[in-house]
Amino acid sequence: MGAAPAGACILYALSCNVSDADLAGRFDLLVRGNKGEPASTEDEDGEQSAQPSATSGSETRLKPWHRRTAKDLGEATADGSPPALIDCVHRLMRLWKTGEQSRVDAYLEAQGLWRNELCRPVVQAILELARPGTDERATLEYIQNHLATHGGTPMPRQRTLLDE
C-alpha cells in the first residue's frame, strides 16, 4: 500500500480519539517511513525484496496483515473494550493460516463474530481491496466462504423500490 501523509494519519487518529503514536504503537497499524534508507519489504506472498523506501519521515504506511504480530491482536483490551473489527479479521487470517479450523471456529464464537452483522461485509470489503492472486486474497476468500457455509447471519439483501 502506498504512503500517506502524516497529517492525514494524525487527523484520522484524532477522529478515533487516539494519538497517531497509538496507531503506530499500541494498535500496530502504521509504519513510519524513512527517506533514502533501503527497506526490506515483504509482499503478501512472502517474497523479500530490497528497495529504497519511497516514504519520508513525514509519511506513513499501513502495516500488512501478516506484519501485525501482537499476541493480543483481536482480543479485548485490558479495560474490557471489544477489539476493532479489522483486528478481528487480521487475527482470523492468522488463525486460518495455521490450518486449525477448530481454533478459527472457537475464535469466531468467543468474539461473537458468527452473529456480528458487520463481520461478513467487512471481510468482503477487505477482500475487494486485496490484489488478485495474492495469499491475502486467497485467505480472505477462504474465511468468507467459511462464514457463509458454517453459520452466522446472512448477508443482508439489498432492497429494491419494488420490495414492500
N, C-alpha and C. Protein backbone atom coordinates (compact mmCIF):
# COMPACT_ATOMS: atom_id res chain seq x y z
N MET A 1 0.84 -1.16 0.00
CA MET A 1 0.00 0.00 0.00
C MET A 1 0.88 1.23 0.00
N GLY A 2 0.45 2.26 -0.68
CA GLY A 2 1.23 3.48 -0.80
C GLY A 2 1.33 4.26 0.49
N ALA A 3 2.22 5.24 0.47
CA ALA A 3 2.43 6.08 1.64
C ALA A 3 1.30 7.09 1.77
N ALA A 4 1.06 7.51 2.99
CA ALA A 4 0.06 8.53 3.28
C ALA A 4 0.73 9.65 4.07
N PRO A 5 0.32 10.89 3.84
CA PRO A 5 0.91 11.99 4.62
C PRO A 5 0.61 11.82 6.10
N ALA A 6 1.58 12.17 6.92
CA ALA A 6 1.41 12.04 8.36
C ALA A 6 0.25 12.89 8.86
N GLY A 7 0.03 14.04 8.24
CA GLY A 7 -1.07 14.91 8.66
C GLY A 7 -2.42 14.22 8.56
N ALA A 8 -2.64 13.49 7.48
CA ALA A 8 -3.90 12.77 7.31
C ALA A 8 -4.04 11.68 8.37
N CYS A 9 -2.94 11.01 8.70
CA CYS A 9 -2.98 9.97 9.73
C CYS A 9 -3.26 10.56 11.10
N ILE A 10 -2.70 11.74 11.36
CA ILE A 10 -2.96 12.41 12.63
C ILE A 10 -4.43 12.79 12.74
N LEU A 11 -5.00 13.32 11.65
CA LEU A 11 -6.42 13.67 11.66
C LEU A 11 -7.29 12.44 11.87
N TYR A 12 -6.93 11.33 11.22
CA TYR A 12 -7.68 10.10 11.42
C TYR A 12 -7.61 9.65 12.87
N ALA A 13 -6.41 9.69 13.42
CA ALA A 13 -6.23 9.28 14.81
C ALA A 13 -7.08 10.14 15.75
N LEU A 14 -7.07 11.43 15.52
CA LEU A 14 -7.86 12.33 16.36
C LEU A 14 -9.35 12.04 16.24
N SER A 15 -9.80 11.69 15.03
CA SER A 15 -11.22 11.37 14.86
C SER A 15 -11.59 10.09 15.60
N CYS A 16 -10.61 9.22 15.85
CA CYS A 16 -10.83 7.98 16.60
C CYS A 16 -10.54 8.16 18.08
N ASN A 17 -10.21 9.40 18.47
CA ASN A 17 -9.91 9.72 19.86
C ASN A 17 -8.66 9.01 20.38
N VAL A 18 -7.67 8.85 19.50
CA VAL A 18 -6.37 8.29 19.88
C VAL A 18 -5.28 9.16 19.25
N SER A 19 -4.06 8.96 19.67
CA SER A 19 -2.95 9.71 19.07
C SER A 19 -2.38 8.94 17.89
N ASP A 20 -1.67 9.65 17.02
CA ASP A 20 -1.04 8.98 15.90
C ASP A 20 0.03 8.00 16.39
N ALA A 21 0.64 8.30 17.52
CA ALA A 21 1.61 7.38 18.11
C ALA A 21 0.93 6.07 18.51
N ASP A 22 -0.32 6.15 18.97
CA ASP A 22 -1.08 4.95 19.31
C ASP A 22 -1.33 4.09 18.08
N LEU A 23 -1.61 4.72 16.94
CA LEU A 23 -1.84 3.95 15.71
C LEU A 23 -0.59 3.17 15.31
N ALA A 24 0.57 3.76 15.53
CA ALA A 24 1.82 3.09 15.18
C ALA A 24 2.26 2.12 16.28
N GLY A 25 1.99 2.45 17.53
CA GLY A 25 2.47 1.62 18.64
C GLY A 25 1.43 0.66 19.17
N ARG A 26 0.53 1.17 19.97
CA ARG A 26 -0.45 0.32 20.66
C ARG A 26 -1.33 -0.47 19.70
N PHE A 27 -1.78 0.16 18.61
CA PHE A 27 -2.66 -0.54 17.68
C PHE A 27 -1.90 -1.26 16.56
N ASP A 28 -0.61 -0.99 16.43
CA ASP A 28 0.24 -1.71 15.48
C ASP A 28 -0.30 -1.65 14.05
N LEU A 29 -0.80 -0.47 13.65
CA LEU A 29 -1.40 -0.31 12.32
C LEU A 29 -0.50 0.39 11.31
N LEU A 30 0.40 1.26 11.78
CA LEU A 30 1.18 2.09 10.88
C LEU A 30 2.67 1.84 11.00
N VAL A 31 3.37 2.12 9.89
CA VAL A 31 4.83 2.12 9.85
C VAL A 31 5.23 3.49 9.36
N ARG A 32 6.13 4.12 10.06
CA ARG A 32 6.61 5.43 9.63
C ARG A 32 7.74 5.23 8.63
N GLY A 33 7.77 6.06 7.57
CA GLY A 33 8.77 5.93 6.52
C GLY A 33 10.08 6.58 6.89
N ASN A 34 11.15 6.14 6.23
CA ASN A 34 12.49 6.70 6.38
C ASN A 34 13.06 6.94 5.00
N LYS A 35 13.08 8.18 4.58
CA LYS A 35 13.50 8.52 3.22
C LYS A 35 14.96 8.14 3.00
N GLY A 36 15.20 7.46 1.87
CA GLY A 36 16.56 7.16 1.46
C GLY A 36 17.13 5.88 2.03
N GLU A 37 16.59 5.35 3.10
CA GLU A 37 17.12 4.10 3.64
C GLU A 37 16.54 2.93 2.89
N PRO A 38 17.37 1.95 2.52
CA PRO A 38 16.80 0.78 1.86
C PRO A 38 15.91 0.04 2.84
N ALA A 39 14.77 -0.33 2.36
CA ALA A 39 13.82 -1.06 3.20
C ALA A 39 13.63 -2.45 2.65
N SER A 40 13.76 -3.45 3.49
CA SER A 40 13.46 -4.80 3.07
C SER A 40 11.96 -4.98 3.21
N THR A 41 11.30 -5.21 2.10
CA THR A 41 9.86 -5.35 2.14
C THR A 41 9.48 -6.78 1.82
N GLU A 42 8.35 -7.17 2.32
CA GLU A 42 7.84 -8.50 2.05
C GLU A 42 6.43 -8.33 1.53
N ASP A 43 6.16 -8.87 0.33
CA ASP A 43 4.81 -8.74 -0.20
C ASP A 43 3.91 -9.79 0.42
N GLU A 44 2.65 -9.80 -0.02
CA GLU A 44 1.67 -10.70 0.58
C GLU A 44 2.00 -12.17 0.39
N ASP A 45 2.80 -12.50 -0.61
CA ASP A 45 3.15 -13.89 -0.85
C ASP A 45 4.42 -14.30 -0.13
N GLY A 46 4.99 -13.38 0.67
CA GLY A 46 6.15 -13.72 1.47
C GLY A 46 7.48 -13.55 0.77
N GLU A 47 7.51 -12.95 -0.42
CA GLU A 47 8.76 -12.77 -1.14
C GLU A 47 9.45 -11.51 -0.65
N GLN A 48 10.75 -11.61 -0.38
CA GLN A 48 11.53 -10.47 0.10
C GLN A 48 12.07 -9.68 -1.08
N SER A 49 12.12 -8.37 -0.94
CA SER A 49 12.77 -7.54 -1.95
C SER A 49 13.36 -6.34 -1.25
N ALA A 50 14.60 -6.00 -1.59
CA ALA A 50 15.24 -4.83 -1.02
C ALA A 50 15.07 -3.69 -2.00
N GLN A 51 14.53 -2.60 -1.53
CA GLN A 51 14.32 -1.45 -2.39
C GLN A 51 14.37 -0.20 -1.54
N PRO A 52 14.72 0.93 -2.15
CA PRO A 52 14.71 2.16 -1.39
C PRO A 52 13.29 2.49 -0.97
N SER A 53 13.15 2.96 0.24
CA SER A 53 11.83 3.33 0.73
C SER A 53 11.36 4.58 0.01
N ALA A 54 10.08 4.59 -0.37
CA ALA A 54 9.52 5.72 -1.08
C ALA A 54 8.89 6.73 -0.14
N THR A 55 9.03 6.53 1.15
CA THR A 55 8.38 7.42 2.10
C THR A 55 9.40 8.20 2.90
N SER A 56 9.01 9.36 3.36
CA SER A 56 9.87 10.16 4.21
C SER A 56 9.38 10.01 5.64
N GLY A 57 10.06 10.70 6.55
CA GLY A 57 9.66 10.64 7.95
C GLY A 57 8.29 11.26 8.18
N SER A 58 7.81 12.04 7.21
CA SER A 58 6.50 12.67 7.37
C SER A 58 5.41 11.87 6.66
N GLU A 59 5.73 10.66 6.27
CA GLU A 59 4.74 9.80 5.64
C GLU A 59 4.66 8.48 6.38
N THR A 60 3.50 7.85 6.29
CA THR A 60 3.29 6.57 6.96
C THR A 60 2.63 5.60 5.99
N ARG A 61 2.71 4.32 6.32
CA ARG A 61 2.06 3.27 5.55
C ARG A 61 1.32 2.35 6.50
N LEU A 62 0.22 1.77 6.01
CA LEU A 62 -0.47 0.75 6.79
C LEU A 62 0.36 -0.51 6.81
N LYS A 63 0.39 -1.19 7.94
CA LYS A 63 1.08 -2.48 8.01
C LYS A 63 0.21 -3.54 7.34
N PRO A 64 0.81 -4.42 6.56
CA PRO A 64 0.03 -5.54 6.01
C PRO A 64 -0.38 -6.48 7.14
N TRP A 65 -1.42 -7.26 6.92
CA TRP A 65 -1.96 -8.13 7.96
C TRP A 65 -0.92 -9.08 8.53
N HIS A 66 -0.04 -9.62 7.70
CA HIS A 66 0.91 -10.61 8.18
C HIS A 66 2.05 -9.99 8.99
N ARG A 67 2.15 -8.66 9.02
CA ARG A 67 3.17 -7.98 9.82
C ARG A 67 2.63 -7.52 11.18
N ARG A 68 1.35 -7.67 11.40
CA ARG A 68 0.74 -7.29 12.68
C ARG A 68 0.84 -8.50 13.60
N THR A 69 1.88 -8.53 14.42
CA THR A 69 2.23 -9.75 15.14
C THR A 69 1.94 -9.71 16.64
N ALA A 70 1.22 -8.72 17.12
CA ALA A 70 0.93 -8.65 18.56
C ALA A 70 0.17 -9.90 19.00
N LYS A 71 0.55 -10.44 20.14
CA LYS A 71 -0.11 -11.66 20.63
C LYS A 71 -1.56 -11.43 20.99
N ASP A 72 -1.90 -10.20 21.39
CA ASP A 72 -3.27 -9.91 21.79
C ASP A 72 -4.10 -9.29 20.66
N LEU A 73 -3.63 -9.39 19.44
CA LEU A 73 -4.37 -8.85 18.29
C LEU A 73 -5.74 -9.52 18.21
N GLY A 74 -6.78 -8.69 18.16
CA GLY A 74 -8.14 -9.21 18.04
C GLY A 74 -8.75 -9.65 19.36
N GLU A 75 -8.11 -9.33 20.46
CA GLU A 75 -8.64 -9.66 21.79
C GLU A 75 -9.12 -8.38 22.46
N ALA A 76 -10.00 -8.52 23.44
CA ALA A 76 -10.48 -7.37 24.19
C ALA A 76 -9.32 -6.69 24.90
N THR A 77 -9.42 -5.38 25.07
CA THR A 77 -8.36 -4.63 25.74
C THR A 77 -8.42 -4.86 27.24
N ALA A 78 -7.43 -4.36 27.95
CA ALA A 78 -7.36 -4.55 29.40
C ALA A 78 -8.57 -3.94 30.11
N ASP A 79 -9.13 -2.87 29.55
CA ASP A 79 -10.30 -2.25 30.18
C ASP A 79 -11.61 -2.91 29.76
N GLY A 80 -11.53 -3.98 28.97
CA GLY A 80 -12.72 -4.72 28.57
C GLY A 80 -13.36 -4.26 27.27
N SER A 81 -12.78 -3.25 26.63
CA SER A 81 -13.33 -2.77 25.36
C SER A 81 -13.15 -3.84 24.28
N PRO A 82 -14.15 -4.00 23.41
CA PRO A 82 -14.01 -5.00 22.36
C PRO A 82 -12.95 -4.58 21.34
N PRO A 83 -12.35 -5.54 20.67
CA PRO A 83 -11.33 -5.21 19.68
C PRO A 83 -11.96 -4.61 18.43
N ALA A 84 -11.17 -3.87 17.68
CA ALA A 84 -11.63 -3.34 16.41
C ALA A 84 -11.87 -4.50 15.45
N LEU A 85 -12.84 -4.35 14.59
CA LEU A 85 -13.19 -5.43 13.67
C LEU A 85 -12.04 -5.77 12.72
N ILE A 86 -11.26 -4.78 12.31
CA ILE A 86 -10.12 -5.07 11.44
C ILE A 86 -9.11 -5.94 12.17
N ASP A 87 -8.94 -5.72 13.49
CA ASP A 87 -8.05 -6.57 14.28
C ASP A 87 -8.57 -8.00 14.32
N CYS A 88 -9.89 -8.15 14.45
CA CYS A 88 -10.50 -9.48 14.47
C CYS A 88 -10.28 -10.20 13.14
N VAL A 89 -10.44 -9.48 12.04
CA VAL A 89 -10.24 -10.09 10.72
C VAL A 89 -8.78 -10.50 10.55
N HIS A 90 -7.85 -9.64 10.96
CA HIS A 90 -6.43 -9.99 10.85
C HIS A 90 -6.10 -11.19 11.73
N ARG A 91 -6.70 -11.28 12.91
CA ARG A 91 -6.50 -12.44 13.78
C ARG A 91 -7.06 -13.70 13.11
N LEU A 92 -8.26 -13.57 12.52
CA LEU A 92 -8.85 -14.70 11.80
C LEU A 92 -7.92 -15.18 10.69
N MET A 93 -7.33 -14.25 9.98
CA MET A 93 -6.42 -14.61 8.88
C MET A 93 -5.22 -15.37 9.42
N ARG A 94 -4.66 -14.92 10.54
CA ARG A 94 -3.53 -15.63 11.15
C ARG A 94 -3.94 -17.03 11.59
N LEU A 95 -5.12 -17.13 12.22
CA LEU A 95 -5.60 -18.43 12.67
C LEU A 95 -5.86 -19.35 11.49
N TRP A 96 -6.43 -18.81 10.42
CA TRP A 96 -6.73 -19.63 9.24
C TRP A 96 -5.45 -20.22 8.67
N LYS A 97 -4.37 -19.44 8.68
CA LYS A 97 -3.10 -19.90 8.12
C LYS A 97 -2.51 -21.05 8.93
N THR A 98 -2.94 -21.23 10.19
CA THR A 98 -2.44 -22.36 10.98
C THR A 98 -3.06 -23.67 10.51
N GLY A 99 -4.19 -23.58 9.83
CA GLY A 99 -4.86 -24.78 9.33
C GLY A 99 -5.74 -25.47 10.35
N GLU A 100 -5.97 -24.85 11.49
CA GLU A 100 -6.78 -25.46 12.55
C GLU A 100 -8.17 -24.82 12.57
N GLN A 101 -9.11 -25.44 11.88
CA GLN A 101 -10.46 -24.89 11.79
C GLN A 101 -11.11 -24.78 13.15
N SER A 102 -10.81 -25.67 14.06
CA SER A 102 -11.41 -25.61 15.39
C SER A 102 -11.01 -24.33 16.12
N ARG A 103 -9.77 -23.88 15.93
CA ARG A 103 -9.33 -22.61 16.55
C ARG A 103 -10.03 -21.43 15.90
N VAL A 104 -10.23 -21.48 14.58
CA VAL A 104 -10.95 -20.42 13.88
C VAL A 104 -12.38 -20.34 14.42
N ASP A 105 -13.05 -21.48 14.50
CA ASP A 105 -14.43 -21.53 14.98
C ASP A 105 -14.53 -21.06 16.43
N ALA A 106 -13.57 -21.47 17.26
CA ALA A 106 -13.58 -21.06 18.67
C ALA A 106 -13.41 -19.55 18.78
N TYR A 107 -12.55 -18.96 17.96
CA TYR A 107 -12.35 -17.51 17.99
C TYR A 107 -13.61 -16.79 17.50
N LEU A 108 -14.21 -17.28 16.43
CA LEU A 108 -15.45 -16.68 15.92
C LEU A 108 -16.54 -16.70 16.99
N GLU A 109 -16.63 -17.78 17.71
CA GLU A 109 -17.64 -17.91 18.76
C GLU A 109 -17.31 -17.01 19.96
N ALA A 110 -16.06 -17.03 20.40
CA ALA A 110 -15.66 -16.25 21.57
C ALA A 110 -15.85 -14.75 21.35
N GLN A 111 -15.60 -14.28 20.14
CA GLN A 111 -15.73 -12.85 19.85
C GLN A 111 -17.13 -12.47 19.37
N GLY A 112 -18.01 -13.46 19.22
CA GLY A 112 -19.36 -13.17 18.75
C GLY A 112 -19.42 -12.81 17.28
N LEU A 113 -18.42 -13.22 16.53
CA LEU A 113 -18.35 -12.83 15.11
C LEU A 113 -19.33 -13.61 14.23
N TRP A 114 -19.75 -14.80 14.68
CA TRP A 114 -20.75 -15.55 13.92
C TRP A 114 -22.02 -14.72 13.76
N ARG A 115 -22.36 -13.98 14.82
CA ARG A 115 -23.62 -13.23 14.84
C ARG A 115 -23.44 -11.75 14.53
N ASN A 116 -22.22 -11.30 14.36
CA ASN A 116 -21.95 -9.89 14.11
C ASN A 116 -22.35 -9.54 12.68
N GLU A 117 -23.30 -8.61 12.55
CA GLU A 117 -23.81 -8.24 11.23
C GLU A 117 -22.77 -7.55 10.37
N LEU A 118 -21.74 -6.98 10.97
CA LEU A 118 -20.72 -6.26 10.20
C LEU A 118 -19.54 -7.13 9.78
N CYS A 119 -19.39 -8.29 10.38
CA CYS A 119 -18.21 -9.12 10.12
C CYS A 119 -18.10 -9.49 8.65
N ARG A 120 -19.12 -10.08 8.09
CA ARG A 120 -19.05 -10.52 6.69
C ARG A 120 -18.88 -9.37 5.71
N PRO A 121 -19.62 -8.25 5.86
CA PRO A 121 -19.37 -7.13 4.94
C PRO A 121 -17.95 -6.56 5.05
N VAL A 122 -17.37 -6.54 6.26
CA VAL A 122 -16.00 -6.04 6.40
C VAL A 122 -15.02 -6.99 5.73
N VAL A 123 -15.20 -8.30 5.92
CA VAL A 123 -14.34 -9.27 5.23
C VAL A 123 -14.46 -9.08 3.72
N GLN A 124 -15.68 -8.89 3.22
CA GLN A 124 -15.90 -8.67 1.79
C GLN A 124 -15.19 -7.40 1.32
N ALA A 125 -15.28 -6.33 2.08
CA ALA A 125 -14.64 -5.07 1.68
C ALA A 125 -13.12 -5.22 1.63
N ILE A 126 -12.54 -5.89 2.61
CA ILE A 126 -11.09 -6.08 2.63
C ILE A 126 -10.68 -6.99 1.47
N LEU A 127 -11.49 -8.01 1.20
CA LEU A 127 -11.21 -8.92 0.09
C LEU A 127 -11.18 -8.16 -1.23
N GLU A 128 -12.11 -7.24 -1.41
CA GLU A 128 -12.17 -6.47 -2.67
C GLU A 128 -10.97 -5.55 -2.83
N LEU A 129 -10.33 -5.16 -1.72
CA LEU A 129 -9.14 -4.31 -1.80
C LEU A 129 -7.87 -5.11 -2.03
N ALA A 130 -7.90 -6.39 -1.71
CA ALA A 130 -6.72 -7.24 -1.86
C ALA A 130 -6.43 -7.49 -3.34
N ARG A 131 -5.15 -7.50 -3.67
CA ARG A 131 -4.76 -7.74 -5.05
C ARG A 131 -5.06 -9.19 -5.46
N PRO A 132 -5.60 -9.37 -6.67
CA PRO A 132 -5.88 -10.73 -7.15
C PRO A 132 -4.60 -11.58 -7.19
N GLY A 133 -4.76 -12.83 -6.85
CA GLY A 133 -3.64 -13.77 -6.91
C GLY A 133 -2.72 -13.76 -5.71
N THR A 134 -3.02 -12.95 -4.70
CA THR A 134 -2.15 -12.89 -3.52
C THR A 134 -2.64 -13.85 -2.44
N ASP A 135 -1.75 -14.16 -1.54
CA ASP A 135 -2.08 -15.01 -0.39
C ASP A 135 -3.14 -14.33 0.47
N GLU A 136 -3.06 -13.01 0.59
CA GLU A 136 -4.05 -12.26 1.37
C GLU A 136 -5.45 -12.48 0.80
N ARG A 137 -5.60 -12.36 -0.50
CA ARG A 137 -6.91 -12.51 -1.12
C ARG A 137 -7.43 -13.94 -0.96
N ALA A 138 -6.57 -14.92 -1.17
CA ALA A 138 -6.98 -16.32 -1.04
C ALA A 138 -7.45 -16.61 0.39
N THR A 139 -6.71 -16.11 1.37
CA THR A 139 -7.07 -16.34 2.77
C THR A 139 -8.42 -15.70 3.09
N LEU A 140 -8.64 -14.48 2.62
CA LEU A 140 -9.91 -13.80 2.84
C LEU A 140 -11.06 -14.53 2.15
N GLU A 141 -10.82 -15.08 0.96
CA GLU A 141 -11.86 -15.85 0.27
C GLU A 141 -12.23 -17.10 1.07
N TYR A 142 -11.22 -17.78 1.62
CA TYR A 142 -11.49 -18.96 2.45
C TYR A 142 -12.33 -18.58 3.67
N ILE A 143 -11.96 -17.48 4.32
CA ILE A 143 -12.70 -17.04 5.51
C ILE A 143 -14.12 -16.66 5.13
N GLN A 144 -14.28 -15.94 4.03
CA GLN A 144 -15.61 -15.54 3.59
C GLN A 144 -16.49 -16.76 3.32
N ASN A 145 -15.94 -17.73 2.63
CA ASN A 145 -16.69 -18.97 2.36
C ASN A 145 -17.01 -19.71 3.64
N HIS A 146 -16.08 -19.74 4.57
CA HIS A 146 -16.30 -20.41 5.86
C HIS A 146 -17.44 -19.74 6.62
N LEU A 147 -17.43 -18.42 6.65
CA LEU A 147 -18.50 -17.69 7.34
C LEU A 147 -19.86 -17.95 6.69
N ALA A 148 -19.88 -18.05 5.37
CA ALA A 148 -21.14 -18.24 4.65
C ALA A 148 -21.69 -19.65 4.82
N THR A 149 -20.82 -20.65 4.93
CA THR A 149 -21.29 -22.03 4.95
C THR A 149 -21.40 -22.64 6.35
N HIS A 150 -20.84 -21.98 7.35
CA HIS A 150 -20.84 -22.57 8.69
C HIS A 150 -21.60 -21.77 9.72
N GLY A 151 -22.54 -20.98 9.30
CA GLY A 151 -23.36 -20.27 10.29
C GLY A 151 -23.22 -18.79 10.21
N GLY A 152 -23.71 -18.14 11.23
CA GLY A 152 -23.67 -16.69 11.29
C GLY A 152 -24.88 -16.08 10.64
N THR A 153 -24.89 -14.78 10.60
CA THR A 153 -26.02 -14.07 10.00
C THR A 153 -25.81 -13.96 8.50
N PRO A 154 -26.85 -14.13 7.71
CA PRO A 154 -26.69 -14.00 6.27
C PRO A 154 -26.44 -12.55 5.87
N MET A 155 -25.79 -12.38 4.73
CA MET A 155 -25.57 -11.04 4.21
C MET A 155 -26.93 -10.42 3.93
N PRO A 156 -27.13 -9.17 4.32
CA PRO A 156 -28.43 -8.54 4.06
C PRO A 156 -28.65 -8.37 2.56
N ARG A 157 -29.89 -8.61 2.15
CA ARG A 157 -30.24 -8.45 0.75
C ARG A 157 -30.60 -7.00 0.52
N GLN A 158 -30.07 -6.44 -0.56
CA GLN A 158 -30.37 -5.05 -0.87
C GLN A 158 -31.82 -4.94 -1.30
N ARG A 159 -32.51 -4.00 -0.72
CA ARG A 159 -33.93 -3.79 -1.05
C ARG A 159 -34.04 -3.00 -2.35
N THR A 160 -35.10 -3.27 -3.07
CA THR A 160 -35.37 -2.51 -4.30
C THR A 160 -36.61 -1.68 -4.07
N LEU A 161 -36.90 -0.83 -5.02
CA LEU A 161 -38.09 0.01 -4.92
C LEU A 161 -39.37 -0.81 -4.95
N LEU A 162 -39.31 -2.02 -5.51
CA LEU A 162 -40.50 -2.85 -5.65
C LEU A 162 -40.76 -3.70 -4.40
N ASP A 163 -39.77 -3.79 -3.50
CA ASP A 163 -39.97 -4.55 -2.25
C ASP A 163 -40.96 -3.83 -1.35
N GLU A 164 -41.76 -4.59 -0.67
CA GLU A 164 -42.72 -3.99 0.26
C GLU A 164 -42.34 -4.28 1.68
